[in-house]
Amino acid sequence: KIRIAILGYGNLGRGVELAVRQNPDMTLVGVFTRRDPKNIACTAQA
């Protein structure tokens, strides 16, 4: 699978997370944020 990472977790970043789920040839390996990662609720590691 293509390993995808997201930089920035606003409206667009959350949309990318949802879109990756709909593409079986991809996997989300991480979300990278300027905020405190402990406060990010996502399906991948923040």
All heavy atoms as atom14 arrays in JSON, in Angstrom:
{
  "sequence": "KIRIAILGYGNLGRGVELAVRQNPDMTLVGVFTRRDPKNIACTAQA",
  "atom14_mask": [
    [1, 1, 1, 1, 1, 1, 1, 1, 1, 0, 0, 0, 0, 0],
    [1, 1, 1, 1, 1, 1, 1, 1, 0, 0, 0, 0, 0, 0],
    [1, 1, 1, 1, 1, 1, 1, 1, 1, 1, 1, 0, 0, 0],
    [1, 1, 1, 1, 1, 1, 1, 1, 0, 0, 0, 0, 0, 0],
    [1, 1, 1, 1, 1, 0, 0, 0, 0, 0, 0, 0, 0, 0],
    [1, 1, 1, 1, 1, 1, 1, 1, 0, 0, 0, 0, 0, 0],
    [1, 1, 1, 1, 1, 1, 1, 1, 0, 0, 0, 0, 0, 0],
    [1, 1, 1, 1, 0, 0, 0, 0, 0, 0, 0, 0, 0, 0],
    [1, 1, 1, 1, 1, 1, 1, 1, 1, 1, 1, 1, 0, 0],
    [1, 1, 1, 1, 0, 0, 0, 0, 0, 0, 0, 0, 0, 0],
    [1, 1, 1, 1, 1, 1, 1, 1, 0, 0, 0, 0, 0, 0],
    [1, 1, 1, 1, 1, 1, 1, 1, 0, 0, 0, 0, 0, 0],
    [1, 1, 1, 1, 0, 0, 0, 0, 0, 0, 0, 0, 0, 0],
    [1, 1, 1, 1, 1, 1, 1, 1, 1, 1, 1, 0, 0, 0],
    [1, 1, 1, 1, 0, 0, 0, 0, 0, 0, 0, 0, 0, 0],
    [1, 1, 1, 1, 1, 1, 1, 0, 0, 0, 0, 0, 0, 0],
    [1, 1, 1, 1, 1, 1, 1, 1, 1, 0, 0, 0, 0, 0],
    [1, 1, 1, 1, 1, 1, 1, 1, 0, 0, 0, 0, 0, 0],
    [1, 1, 1, 1, 1, 0, 0, 0, 0, 0, 0, 0, 0, 0],
    [1, 1, 1, 1, 1, 1, 1, 0, 0, 0, 0, 0, 0, 0],
    [1, 1, 1, 1, 1, 1, 1, 1, 1, 1, 1, 0, 0, 0],
    [1, 1, 1, 1, 1, 1, 1, 1, 1, 0, 0, 0, 0, 0],
    [1, 1, 1, 1, 1, 1, 1, 1, 0, 0, 0, 0, 0, 0],
    [1, 1, 1, 1, 1, 1, 1, 0, 0, 0, 0, 0, 0, 0],
    [1, 1, 1, 1, 1, 1, 1, 1, 0, 0, 0, 0, 0, 0],
    [1, 1, 1, 1, 1, 1, 1, 1, 0, 0, 0, 0, 0, 0],
    [1, 1, 1, 1, 1, 1, 1, 0, 0, 0, 0, 0, 0, 0],
    [1, 1, 1, 1, 1, 1, 1, 1, 0, 0, 0, 0, 0, 0],
    [1, 1, 1, 1, 1, 1, 1, 0, 0, 0, 0, 0, 0, 0],
    [1, 1, 1, 1, 0, 0, 0, 0, 0, 0, 0, 0, 0, 0],
    [1, 1, 1, 1, 1, 1, 1, 0, 0, 0, 0, 0, 0, 0],
    [1, 1, 1, 1, 1, 1, 1, 1, 1, 1, 1, 0, 0, 0],
    [1, 1, 1, 1, 1, 1, 1, 0, 0, 0, 0, 0, 0, 0],
    [1, 1, 1, 1, 1, 1, 1, 1, 1, 1, 1, 0, 0, 0],
    [1, 1, 1, 1, 1, 1, 1, 1, 1, 1, 1, 0, 0, 0],
    [1, 1, 1, 1, 1, 1, 1, 1, 0, 0, 0, 0, 0, 0],
    [1, 1, 1, 1, 1, 1, 1, 0, 0, 0, 0, 0, 0, 0],
    [1, 1, 1, 1, 1, 1, 1, 1, 1, 0, 0, 0, 0, 0],
    [1, 1, 1, 1, 1, 1, 1, 1, 0, 0, 0, 0, 0, 0],
    [1, 1, 1, 1, 1, 1, 1, 1, 0, 0, 0, 0, 0, 0],
    [1, 1, 1, 1, 1, 0, 0, 0, 0, 0, 0, 0, 0, 0],
    [1, 1, 1, 1, 1, 1, 0, 0, 0, 0, 0, 0, 0, 0],
    [1, 1, 1, 1, 1, 1, 1, 0, 0, 0, 0, 0, 0, 0],
    [1, 1, 1, 1, 1, 0, 0, 0, 0, 0, 0, 0, 0, 0],
    [1, 1, 1, 1, 1, 1, 1, 1, 1, 0, 0, 0, 0, 0],
    [1, 1, 1, 1, 1, 0, 0, 0, 0, 0, 0, 0, 0, 0]
  ],
  "atom14_positions": [
    [[0.83, -1.19, 0.0], [0.0, 0.0, 0.0], [0.87, 1.26, 0.0], [1.98, 1.28, 0.53], [-0.92, 0.01, 1.21], [-2.0, -1.07, 1.17], [-2.98, -0.91, 2.32], [-4.12, -1.94, 2.2], [-5.14, -1.75, 3.27], [0.0, 0.0, 0.0], [0.0, 0.0, 0.0], [0.0, 0.0, 0.0], [0.0, 0.0, 0.0], [0.0, 0.0, 0.0]],
    [[0.33, 2.31, -0.61], [1.0, 3.61, -0.62], [0.85, 4.22, 0.77], [-0.26, 4.36, 1.3], [0.38, 4.53, -1.68], [0.45, 3.89, -3.07], [1.09, 5.89, -1.69], [-0.36, 4.63, -4.13], [0.0, 0.0, 0.0], [0.0, 0.0, 0.0], [0.0, 0.0, 0.0], [0.0, 0.0, 0.0], [0.0, 0.0, 0.0], [0.0, 0.0, 0.0]],
    [[1.96, 4.61, 1.36], [1.96, 5.12, 2.73], [1.81, 6.65, 2.7], [2.69, 7.36, 2.23], [3.24, 4.71, 3.44], [3.41, 3.18, 3.54], [4.81, 2.82, 4.03], [5.84, 3.29, 3.11], [7.15, 3.26, 3.36], [7.59, 2.78, 4.51], [8.02, 3.72, 2.47], [0.0, 0.0, 0.0], [0.0, 0.0, 0.0], [0.0, 0.0, 0.0]],
    [[0.67, 7.12, 3.19], [0.31, 8.53, 3.15], [0.49, 9.14, 4.54], [0.13, 8.55, 5.56], [-1.16, 8.71, 2.71], [-1.4, 8.07, 1.34], [-1.54, 10.19, 2.73], [-0.66, 8.75, 0.2], [0.0, 0.0, 0.0], [0.0, 0.0, 0.0], [0.0, 0.0, 0.0], [0.0, 0.0, 0.0], [0.0, 0.0, 0.0], [0.0, 0.0, 0.0]],
    [[1.03, 10.35, 4.57], [1.07, 11.15, 5.79], [0.41, 12.49, 5.53], [0.43, 13.01, 4.4], [2.5, 11.35, 6.28], [0.0, 0.0, 0.0], [0.0, 0.0, 0.0], [0.0, 0.0, 0.0], [0.0, 0.0, 0.0], [0.0, 0.0, 0.0], [0.0, 0.0, 0.0], [0.0, 0.0, 0.0], [0.0, 0.0, 0.0], [0.0, 0.0, 0.0]],
    [[-0.19, 13.04, 6.57], [-0.9, 14.32, 6.49], [-0.15, 15.35, 7.31], [0.22, 15.09, 8.46], [-2.34, 14.18, 7.04], [-3.17, 13.23, 6.17], [-3.02, 15.54, 7.14], [-4.52, 12.87, 6.79], [0.0, 0.0, 0.0], [0.0, 0.0, 0.0], [0.0, 0.0, 0.0], [0.0, 0.0, 0.0], [0.0, 0.0, 0.0], [0.0, 0.0, 0.0]],
    [[0.07, 16.52, 6.73], [0.63, 17.64, 7.48], [-0.46, 18.7, 7.62], [-0.86, 19.33, 6.63], [1.84, 18.23, 6.76], [2.47, 19.46, 7.42], [2.95, 19.14, 8.83], [3.62, 20.0, 6.58], [0.0, 0.0, 0.0], [0.0, 0.0, 0.0], [0.0, 0.0, 0.0], [0.0, 0.0, 0.0], [0.0, 0.0, 0.0], [0.0, 0.0, 0.0]],
    [[-0.95, 18.89, 8.84], [-2.02, 19.84, 9.1], [-3.35, 19.13, 9.25], [-3.75, 18.37, 8.36], [0.0, 0.0, 0.0], [0.0, 0.0, 0.0], [0.0, 0.0, 0.0], [0.0, 0.0, 0.0], [0.0, 0.0, 0.0], [0.0, 0.0, 0.0], [0.0, 0.0, 0.0], [0.0, 0.0, 0.0], [0.0, 0.0, 0.0], [0.0, 0.0, 0.0]],
    [[-4.03, 19.35, 10.37], [-5.24, 18.58, 10.65], [-6.44, 19.5, 10.9], [-7.11, 19.43, 11.93], [-5.01, 17.66, 11.85], [-6.03, 16.53, 11.95], [-6.12, 15.56, 10.95], [-6.88, 16.44, 13.04], [-7.04, 14.54, 11.04], [-7.81, 15.42, 13.14], [-7.89, 14.47, 12.13], [-8.82, 13.45, 12.22], [0.0, 0.0, 0.0], [0.0, 0.0, 0.0]],
    [[-6.7, 20.37, 9.93], [-7.92, 21.16, 9.93], [-8.99, 20.46, 9.09], [-8.99, 19.23, 8.97], [0.0, 0.0, 0.0], [0.0, 0.0, 0.0], [0.0, 0.0, 0.0], [0.0, 0.0, 0.0], [0.0, 0.0, 0.0], [0.0, 0.0, 0.0], [0.0, 0.0, 0.0], [0.0, 0.0, 0.0], [0.0, 0.0, 0.0], [0.0, 0.0, 0.0]],
    [[-9.88, 21.24, 8.49], [-10.95, 20.65, 7.68], [-10.4, 19.81, 6.54], [-10.89, 18.71, 6.25], [-11.85, 21.75, 7.11], [-12.7, 22.43, 8.17], [-13.15, 21.78, 9.12], [-12.94, 23.72, 8.02], [0.0, 0.0, 0.0], [0.0, 0.0, 0.0], [0.0, 0.0, 0.0], [0.0, 0.0, 0.0], [0.0, 0.0, 0.0], [0.0, 0.0, 0.0]],
    [[-9.36, 20.32, 5.86], [-8.79, 19.58, 4.73], [-8.07, 18.32, 5.2], [-8.21, 17.25, 4.59], [-7.84, 20.49, 3.95], [-7.26, 19.91, 2.67], [-8.36, 19.5, 1.69], [-6.31, 20.92, 2.0], [0.0, 0.0, 0.0], [0.0, 0.0, 0.0], [0.0, 0.0, 0.0], [0.0, 0.0, 0.0], [0.0, 0.0, 0.0], [0.0, 0.0, 0.0]],
    [[-7.3, 18.42, 6.27], [-6.6, 17.25, 6.78], [-7.54, 16.15, 7.2], [-7.3, 14.96, 6.93], [0.0, 0.0, 0.0], [0.0, 0.0, 0.0], [0.0, 0.0, 0.0], [0.0, 0.0, 0.0], [0.0, 0.0, 0.0], [0.0, 0.0, 0.0], [0.0, 0.0, 0.0], [0.0, 0.0, 0.0], [0.0, 0.0, 0.0], [0.0, 0.0, 0.0]],
    [[-8.63, 16.52, 7.86], [-9.63, 15.52, 8.24], [-10.28, 14.91, 7.0], [-10.59, 13.72, 6.98], [-10.68, 16.15, 9.15], [-10.16, 16.43, 10.56], [-11.28, 16.86, 11.49], [-11.75, 18.21, 11.18], [-11.23, 19.32, 11.7], [-10.21, 19.25, 12.55], [-11.72, 20.51, 11.38], [0.0, 0.0, 0.0], [0.0, 0.0, 0.0], [0.0, 0.0, 0.0]],
    [[-10.46, 15.71, 5.95], [-10.99, 15.17, 4.7], [-10.06, 14.17, 4.06], [-10.5, 13.14, 3.52], [0.0, 0.0, 0.0], [0.0, 0.0, 0.0], [0.0, 0.0, 0.0], [0.0, 0.0, 0.0], [0.0, 0.0, 0.0], [0.0, 0.0, 0.0], [0.0, 0.0, 0.0], [0.0, 0.0, 0.0], [0.0, 0.0, 0.0], [0.0, 0.0, 0.0]],
    [[-8.74, 14.44, 4.1], [-7.77, 13.49, 3.56], [-7.83, 12.18, 4.34], [-7.77, 11.08, 3.76], [-6.35, 14.09, 3.59], [-5.31, 13.01, 3.27], [-6.24, 15.24, 2.6], [0.0, 0.0, 0.0], [0.0, 0.0, 0.0], [0.0, 0.0, 0.0], [0.0, 0.0, 0.0], [0.0, 0.0, 0.0], [0.0, 0.0, 0.0], [0.0, 0.0, 0.0]],
    [[-7.94, 12.26, 5.66], [-8.05, 11.05, 6.47], [-9.23, 10.2, 6.02], [-9.11, 8.97, 5.85], [-8.21, 11.44, 7.93], [-8.37, 10.25, 8.88], [-8.65, 10.67, 10.3], [-9.09, 11.82, 10.52], [-8.45, 9.84, 11.21], [0.0, 0.0, 0.0], [0.0, 0.0, 0.0], [0.0, 0.0, 0.0], [0.0, 0.0, 0.0], [0.0, 0.0, 0.0]],
    [[-10.38, 10.83, 5.78], [-11.57, 10.1, 5.33], [-11.37, 9.52, 3.94], [-11.79, 8.39, 3.66], [-12.78, 11.04, 5.33], [-13.25, 11.55, 6.7], [-14.32, 12.63, 6.53], [-13.78, 10.41, 7.55], [0.0, 0.0, 0.0], [0.0, 0.0, 0.0], [0.0, 0.0, 0.0], [0.0, 0.0, 0.0], [0.0, 0.0, 0.0], [0.0, 0.0, 0.0]],
    [[-10.72, 10.28, 3.06], [-10.52, 9.82, 1.68], [-9.58, 8.63, 1.6], [-9.79, 7.71, 0.8], [-10.0, 10.97, 0.82], [0.0, 0.0, 0.0], [0.0, 0.0, 0.0], [0.0, 0.0, 0.0], [0.0, 0.0, 0.0], [0.0, 0.0, 0.0], [0.0, 0.0, 0.0], [0.0, 0.0, 0.0], [0.0, 0.0, 0.0], [0.0, 0.0, 0.0]],
    [[-8.53, 8.63, 2.41], [-7.6, 7.5, 2.41], [-8.33, 6.21, 2.77], [-8.05, 5.15, 2.2], [-6.42, 7.77, 3.38], [-5.59, 6.5, 3.59], [-5.53, 8.89, 2.84], [0.0, 0.0, 0.0], [0.0, 0.0, 0.0], [0.0, 0.0, 0.0], [0.0, 0.0, 0.0], [0.0, 0.0, 0.0], [0.0, 0.0, 0.0], [0.0, 0.0, 0.0]],
    [[-9.28, 6.29, 3.68], [-10.04, 5.11, 4.06], [-10.81, 4.51, 2.89], [-11.08, 3.31, 2.86], [-11.06, 5.46, 5.15], [-10.47, 5.81, 6.5], [-11.61, 5.96, 7.49], [-11.31, 6.91, 8.55], [-12.21, 7.4, 9.39], [-13.48, 7.04, 9.27], [-11.86, 8.24, 10.34], [0.0, 0.0, 0.0], [0.0, 0.0, 0.0], [0.0, 0.0, 0.0]],
    [[-11.17, 5.34, 1.91], [-11.95, 4.86, 0.77], [-11.08, 4.36, -0.37], [-11.6, 3.97, -1.42], [-12.87, 5.99, 0.27], [-13.92, 6.4, 1.3], [-14.85, 7.47, 0.77], [-14.47, 8.32, -0.04], [-16.1, 7.44, 1.21], [0.0, 0.0, 0.0], [0.0, 0.0, 0.0], [0.0, 0.0, 0.0], [0.0, 0.0, 0.0], [0.0, 0.0, 0.0]],
    [[-9.78, 4.36, -0.19], [-8.85, 3.9, -1.22], [-8.04, 2.72, -0.69], [-7.07, 2.92, 0.06], [-7.92, 5.05, -1.63], [-8.63, 6.11, -2.44], [-8.65, 6.07, -3.67], [-9.24, 7.07, -1.76], [0.0, 0.0, 0.0], [0.0, 0.0, 0.0], [0.0, 0.0, 0.0], [0.0, 0.0, 0.0], [0.0, 0.0, 0.0], [0.0, 0.0, 0.0]],
    [[-8.41, 1.5, -1.05], [-7.8, 0.3, -0.46], [-6.33, 0.11, -0.78], [-5.67, -0.71, -0.15], [-8.64, -0.84, -1.02], [-9.3, -0.29, -2.24], [-9.52, 1.15, -1.98], [0.0, 0.0, 0.0], [0.0, 0.0, 0.0], [0.0, 0.0, 0.0], [0.0, 0.0, 0.0], [0.0, 0.0, 0.0], [0.0, 0.0, 0.0], [0.0, 0.0, 0.0]],
    [[-5.8, 0.87, -1.75], [-4.37, 0.73, -2.07], [-3.52, 1.7, -1.26], [-2.32, 1.84, -1.52], [-4.13, 0.95, -3.57], [-4.53, 2.35, -4.04], [-5.44, 2.96, -3.43], [-3.92, 2.84, -5.02], [0.0, 0.0, 0.0], [0.0, 0.0, 0.0], [0.0, 0.0, 0.0], [0.0, 0.0, 0.0], [0.0, 0.0, 0.0], [0.0, 0.0, 0.0]],
    [[-4.13, 2.35, -0.25], [-3.4, 3.33, 0.55], [-3.57, 3.04, 2.03], [-4.53, 2.41, 2.46], [-3.92, 4.74, 0.26], [-3.7, 5.21, -1.16], [-4.23, 6.92, -1.36], [-3.78, 7.18, -3.08], [0.0, 0.0, 0.0], [0.0, 0.0, 0.0], [0.0, 0.0, 0.0], [0.0, 0.0, 0.0], [0.0, 0.0, 0.0], [0.0, 0.0, 0.0]],
    [[-2.63, 3.55, 2.82], [-2.74, 3.49, 4.27], [-2.22, 4.79, 4.86], [-1.26, 5.38, 4.33], [-1.96, 2.28, 4.84], [-2.19, 2.18, 6.23], [-0.47, 2.4, 4.58], [0.0, 0.0, 0.0], [0.0, 0.0, 0.0], [0.0, 0.0, 0.0], [0.0, 0.0, 0.0], [0.0, 0.0, 0.0], [0.0, 0.0, 0.0], [0.0, 0.0, 0.0]],
    [[-2.86, 5.25, 5.92], [-2.45, 6.48, 6.58], [-1.48, 6.13, 7.7], [-1.83, 5.42, 8.65], [-3.68, 7.21, 7.15], [-3.42, 8.56, 7.82], [-2.81, 9.55, 6.84], [-4.72, 9.11, 8.4], [0.0, 0.0, 0.0], [0.0, 0.0, 0.0], [0.0, 0.0, 0.0], [0.0, 0.0, 0.0], [0.0, 0.0, 0.0], [0.0, 0.0, 0.0]],
    [[-0.25, 6.63, 7.6], [0.78, 6.25, 8.56], [1.02, 7.31, 9.63], [1.72, 7.05, 10.61], [2.11, 5.93, 7.85], [1.94, 4.74, 6.93], [2.64, 7.14, 7.08], [0.0, 0.0, 0.0], [0.0, 0.0, 0.0], [0.0, 0.0, 0.0], [0.0, 0.0, 0.0], [0.0, 0.0, 0.0], [0.0, 0.0, 0.0], [0.0, 0.0, 0.0]],
    [[0.44, 8.5, 9.46], [0.63, 9.51, 10.49], [0.0, 10.84, 10.13], [-0.16, 11.18, 8.95], [0.0, 0.0, 0.0], [0.0, 0.0, 0.0], [0.0, 0.0, 0.0], [0.0, 0.0, 0.0], [0.0, 0.0, 0.0], [0.0, 0.0, 0.0], [0.0, 0.0, 0.0], [0.0, 0.0, 0.0], [0.0, 0.0, 0.0], [0.0, 0.0, 0.0]],
    [[-0.37, 11.57, 11.17], [-0.87, 12.94, 11.06], [0.11, 13.83, 11.82], [0.4, 13.58, 13.0], [-2.29, 13.07, 11.64], [-2.7, 14.53, 11.72], [-3.28, 12.27, 10.82], [0.0, 0.0, 0.0], [0.0, 0.0, 0.0], [0.0, 0.0, 0.0], [0.0, 0.0, 0.0], [0.0, 0.0, 0.0], [0.0, 0.0, 0.0], [0.0, 0.0, 0.0]],
    [[0.61, 14.86, 11.16], [1.6, 15.74, 11.77], [0.97, 17.13, 11.94], [0.37, 17.67, 11.01], [2.85, 15.81, 10.9], [3.57, 14.48, 10.83], [3.16, 13.5, 9.93], [4.62, 14.2, 11.69], [3.8, 12.27, 9.87], [5.27, 12.97, 11.64], [4.85, 12.0, 10.74], [0.0, 0.0, 0.0], [0.0, 0.0, 0.0], [0.0, 0.0, 0.0]],
    [[1.1, 17.68, 13.13], [0.38, 18.9, 13.48], [1.22, 19.83, 14.32], [2.1, 19.39, 15.06], [-0.92, 18.53, 14.24], [-1.58, 19.73, 14.67], [-0.62, 17.67, 15.46], [0.0, 0.0, 0.0], [0.0, 0.0, 0.0], [0.0, 0.0, 0.0], [0.0, 0.0, 0.0], [0.0, 0.0, 0.0], [0.0, 0.0, 0.0], [0.0, 0.0, 0.0]],
    [[0.91, 21.13, 14.21], [1.56, 22.12, 15.06], [0.91, 22.18, 16.45], [1.47, 22.76, 17.37], [1.5, 23.5, 14.4], [2.4, 23.62, 13.17], [2.25, 24.94, 12.47], [0.96, 25.1, 11.84], [0.73, 25.91, 10.8], [1.72, 26.63, 10.3], [-0.46, 26.01, 10.28], [0.0, 0.0, 0.0], [0.0, 0.0, 0.0], [0.0, 0.0, 0.0]],
    [[-0.28, 21.59, 16.56], [-0.95, 21.53, 17.86], [-0.37, 20.39, 18.7], [0.44, 19.6, 18.22], [-2.46, 21.33, 17.66], [-3.17, 22.54, 17.07], [-4.63, 22.26, 16.84], [-4.86, 21.51, 15.62], [-6.01, 20.93, 15.3], [-7.03, 20.98, 16.13], [-6.15, 20.28, 14.15], [0.0, 0.0, 0.0], [0.0, 0.0, 0.0], [0.0, 0.0, 0.0]],
    [[-0.82, 20.28, 19.93], [-0.39, 19.18, 20.79], [-0.97, 17.88, 20.26], [-2.19, 17.72, 20.2], [-0.88, 19.42, 22.22], [-0.34, 18.39, 23.21], [0.14, 17.33, 22.77], [-0.43, 18.65, 24.43], [0.0, 0.0, 0.0], [0.0, 0.0, 0.0], [0.0, 0.0, 0.0], [0.0, 0.0, 0.0], [0.0, 0.0, 0.0], [0.0, 0.0, 0.0]],
    [[-0.14, 16.93, 19.83], [-0.66, 15.68, 19.26], [-1.61, 14.94, 20.2], [-2.49, 14.2, 19.75], [0.6, 14.86, 18.99], [1.7, 15.87, 18.87], [1.33, 16.98, 19.8], [0.0, 0.0, 0.0], [0.0, 0.0, 0.0], [0.0, 0.0, 0.0], [0.0, 0.0, 0.0], [0.0, 0.0, 0.0], [0.0, 0.0, 0.0], [0.0, 0.0, 0.0]],
    [[-1.45, 15.14, 21.5], [-2.33, 14.47, 22.46], [-3.77, 14.92, 22.33], [-4.69, 14.21, 22.75], [-1.83, 14.73, 23.89], [-0.45, 14.14, 24.18], [0.0, 14.49, 25.6], [1.4, 13.96, 25.88], [1.86, 14.36, 27.24], [0.0, 0.0, 0.0], [0.0, 0.0, 0.0], [0.0, 0.0, 0.0], [0.0, 0.0, 0.0], [0.0, 0.0, 0.0]],
    [[-3.98, 16.1, 21.73], [-5.33, 16.64, 21.58], [-5.94, 16.34, 20.22], [-7.02, 16.84, 19.9], [-5.32, 18.15, 21.81], [-4.88, 18.52, 23.21], [-5.15, 17.76, 24.16], [-4.23, 19.66, 23.37], [0.0, 0.0, 0.0], [0.0, 0.0, 0.0], [0.0, 0.0, 0.0], [0.0, 0.0, 0.0], [0.0, 0.0, 0.0], [0.0, 0.0, 0.0]],
    [[-5.25, 15.54, 19.41], [-5.73, 15.21, 18.06], [-6.39, 13.83, 18.09], [-5.73, 12.83, 18.4], [-4.58, 15.22, 17.04], [-3.92, 16.6, 16.99], [-5.08, 14.82, 15.66], [-4.83, 17.71, 16.53], [0.0, 0.0, 0.0], [0.0, 0.0, 0.0], [0.0, 0.0, 0.0], [0.0, 0.0, 0.0], [0.0, 0.0, 0.0], [0.0, 0.0, 0.0]],
    [[-7.67, 13.78, 17.76], [-8.4, 12.52, 17.7], [-8.5, 12.08, 16.24], [-9.32, 12.59, 15.48], [-9.79, 12.66, 18.31], [0.0, 0.0, 0.0], [0.0, 0.0, 0.0], [0.0, 0.0, 0.0], [0.0, 0.0, 0.0], [0.0, 0.0, 0.0], [0.0, 0.0, 0.0], [0.0, 0.0, 0.0], [0.0, 0.0, 0.0], [0.0, 0.0, 0.0]],
    [[-7.64, 11.16, 15.84], [-7.65, 10.68, 14.46], [-7.39, 9.18, 14.45], [-7.06, 8.58, 15.48], [-6.6, 11.41, 13.62], [-4.91, 11.24, 14.23], [0.0, 0.0, 0.0], [0.0, 0.0, 0.0], [0.0, 0.0, 0.0], [0.0, 0.0, 0.0], [0.0, 0.0, 0.0], [0.0, 0.0, 0.0], [0.0, 0.0, 0.0], [0.0, 0.0, 0.0]],
    [[-7.56, 8.56, 13.28], [-7.44, 7.1, 13.18], [-5.99, 6.65, 13.11], [-5.71, 5.47, 13.3], [-8.2, 6.6, 11.96], [-7.69, 7.25, 10.79], [-9.69, 6.89, 12.09], [0.0, 0.0, 0.0], [0.0, 0.0, 0.0], [0.0, 0.0, 0.0], [0.0, 0.0, 0.0], [0.0, 0.0, 0.0], [0.0, 0.0, 0.0], [0.0, 0.0, 0.0]],
    [[-5.08, 7.56, 12.81], [-3.65, 7.22, 12.75], [-2.93, 7.86, 13.93], [-3.51, 8.63, 14.69], [-3.05, 7.71, 11.43], [0.0, 0.0, 0.0], [0.0, 0.0, 0.0], [0.0, 0.0, 0.0], [0.0, 0.0, 0.0], [0.0, 0.0, 0.0], [0.0, 0.0, 0.0], [0.0, 0.0, 0.0], [0.0, 0.0, 0.0], [0.0, 0.0, 0.0]],
    [[-1.67, 7.54, 14.06], [-0.86, 8.15, 15.11], [-0.65, 9.63, 14.79], [-0.34, 10.0, 13.66], [0.48, 7.44, 15.21], [1.41, 8.0, 16.25], [0.9, 7.76, 17.67], [0.48, 6.65, 17.99], [0.95, 8.79, 18.5], [0.0, 0.0, 0.0], [0.0, 0.0, 0.0], [0.0, 0.0, 0.0], [0.0, 0.0, 0.0], [0.0, 0.0, 0.0]],
    [[-0.84, 10.48, 15.79], [-0.59, 11.91, 15.63], [0.78, 12.25, 16.19], [1.19, 11.75, 17.25], [-1.66, 12.72, 16.33], [0.0, 0.0, 0.0], [0.0, 0.0, 0.0], [0.0, 0.0, 0.0], [0.0, 0.0, 0.0], [0.0, 0.0, 0.0], [0.0, 0.0, 0.0], [0.0, 0.0, 0.0], [0.0, 0.0, 0.0], [0.0, 0.0, 0.0]]
  ]
}
